[in-house]
Amino acid sequence: MEARNARKVRKGVVVSDKMDKTVVVKVQSLKLHPRYQKFIKSTKSFKAHDENNECKVGDTVEIVETRPLSKDKRWRVAKILQRSIEAASQE
């Protein structure tokens, strides 16, 4: 029962907020190379649903996996962890 509700959670930075109710979040992860035992940074972009258009470029957000909302959107913004400096100064 618990495994069914276990949703993937990622932390990343908003790189685009030009779409309505959608933000593009860049998530960075470290992967260990099997032979050389060196950590390699890899980044991936996720389109996430932002219901109230609260996120701005540069914000650090937490996204959670959800049901498919469109062709590319399978994530939604759970919470804004840290506002960007530019967005905070405008408010």
Protein backbone atom coordinates (compact mmCIF):
# COMPACT_ATOMS: atom_id res chain seq x y z
CA MET A 1 0.00 0.00 0.00
CA GLU A 2 2.82 2.41 0.82
CA ALA A 3 4.69 1.73 -2.43
CA ARG A 4 1.71 2.85 -4.49
CA ASN A 5 1.71 6.34 -2.98
CA ALA A 6 5.48 6.79 -3.10
CA ARG A 7 5.94 9.58 -5.63
CA LYS A 8 9.27 10.70 -7.00
CA VAL A 9 10.46 14.05 -5.67
CA ARG A 10 13.11 16.21 -7.36
CA LYS A 11 14.72 19.53 -6.48
CA GLY A 12 15.76 21.94 -9.22
CA VAL A 13 15.94 25.48 -10.57
CA VAL A 14 13.31 27.15 -12.76
CA VAL A 15 14.86 28.07 -16.13
CA SER A 16 11.70 29.19 -17.96
CA ASP A 17 8.29 30.51 -16.93
CA LYS A 18 7.01 31.75 -20.29
CA MET A 19 4.18 29.21 -20.61
CA ASP A 20 0.86 29.60 -18.83
CA LYS A 21 0.71 27.48 -15.65
CA THR A 22 3.89 25.63 -16.70
CA VAL A 23 7.54 26.04 -15.71
CA VAL A 24 10.65 24.28 -16.98
CA VAL A 25 12.77 22.97 -14.11
CA LYS A 26 16.42 21.97 -14.57
CA VAL A 27 17.35 19.12 -12.19
CA GLN A 28 20.99 18.22 -11.60
CA SER A 29 22.11 14.77 -10.44
CA LEU A 30 25.42 13.07 -9.73
CA LYS A 31 26.08 9.66 -11.25
CA LEU A 32 29.05 7.45 -10.46
CA HIS A 33 30.96 6.22 -13.50
CA PRO A 34 31.19 2.41 -13.24
CA ARG A 35 34.79 2.07 -14.35
CA TYR A 36 36.51 5.29 -13.29
CA GLN A 37 34.62 5.80 -10.01
CA LYS A 38 34.25 9.50 -10.75
CA PHE A 39 31.05 11.44 -10.16
CA ILE A 40 29.60 12.95 -13.32
CA LYS A 41 27.07 15.79 -13.25
CA SER A 42 24.07 15.31 -15.46
CA THR A 43 21.13 17.66 -15.91
CA LYS A 44 17.63 17.03 -17.13
CA SER A 45 14.73 19.38 -17.82
CA PHE A 46 11.22 18.67 -16.59
CA LYS A 47 8.05 20.57 -17.44
CA ALA A 48 6.09 21.07 -14.23
CA HIS A 49 2.59 22.35 -13.54
CA ASP A 50 2.45 25.66 -11.65
CA GLU A 51 -1.24 26.26 -10.93
CA ASN A 52 -1.00 29.88 -9.72
CA ASN A 53 1.94 31.04 -11.89
CA GLU A 54 3.94 31.76 -8.70
CA CYS A 55 7.36 30.54 -9.85
CA LYS A 56 9.86 32.88 -11.49
CA VAL A 57 13.13 32.18 -13.31
CA GLY A 58 15.88 31.35 -10.82
CA ASP A 59 13.61 30.00 -8.07
CA THR A 60 14.64 26.75 -6.42
CA VAL A 61 11.60 24.46 -6.33
CA GLU A 62 10.58 20.97 -5.33
CA ILE A 63 8.62 19.03 -7.95
CA VAL A 64 6.57 15.88 -7.43
CA GLU A 65 5.59 13.24 -9.97
CA THR A 66 1.89 13.22 -10.85
CA ARG A 67 -0.51 11.88 -13.45
CA PRO A 68 0.04 13.01 -17.05
CA LEU A 69 -1.29 16.55 -17.44
CA SER A 70 -0.30 17.00 -21.10
CA LYS A 71 2.02 15.49 -23.69
CA ASP A 72 5.16 16.54 -21.78
CA LYS A 73 3.95 17.42 -18.26
CA ARG A 74 4.13 14.69 -15.63
CA TRP A 75 5.35 16.80 -12.69
CA ARG A 76 3.88 19.55 -10.53
CA VAL A 77 5.49 22.16 -8.30
CA ALA A 78 5.07 21.07 -4.68
CA LYS A 79 6.70 24.10 -3.05
CA ILE A 80 9.10 26.95 -3.66
CA LEU A 81 12.18 26.35 -1.53
CA GLN A 82 14.02 29.59 -2.29
CA ARG A 83 13.11 32.66 -4.29
CA SER A 84 15.57 34.07 -6.80
CA ILE A 85 17.28 37.34 -5.89
CA GLU A 86 15.71 39.17 -8.85
CA ALA A 87 12.17 37.99 -8.04
CA ALA A 88 12.55 38.90 -4.37
CA SER A 89 13.75 42.43 -5.17
CA GLN A 90 10.77 43.10 -7.50
CA GLU A 91 8.19 42.26 -4.79
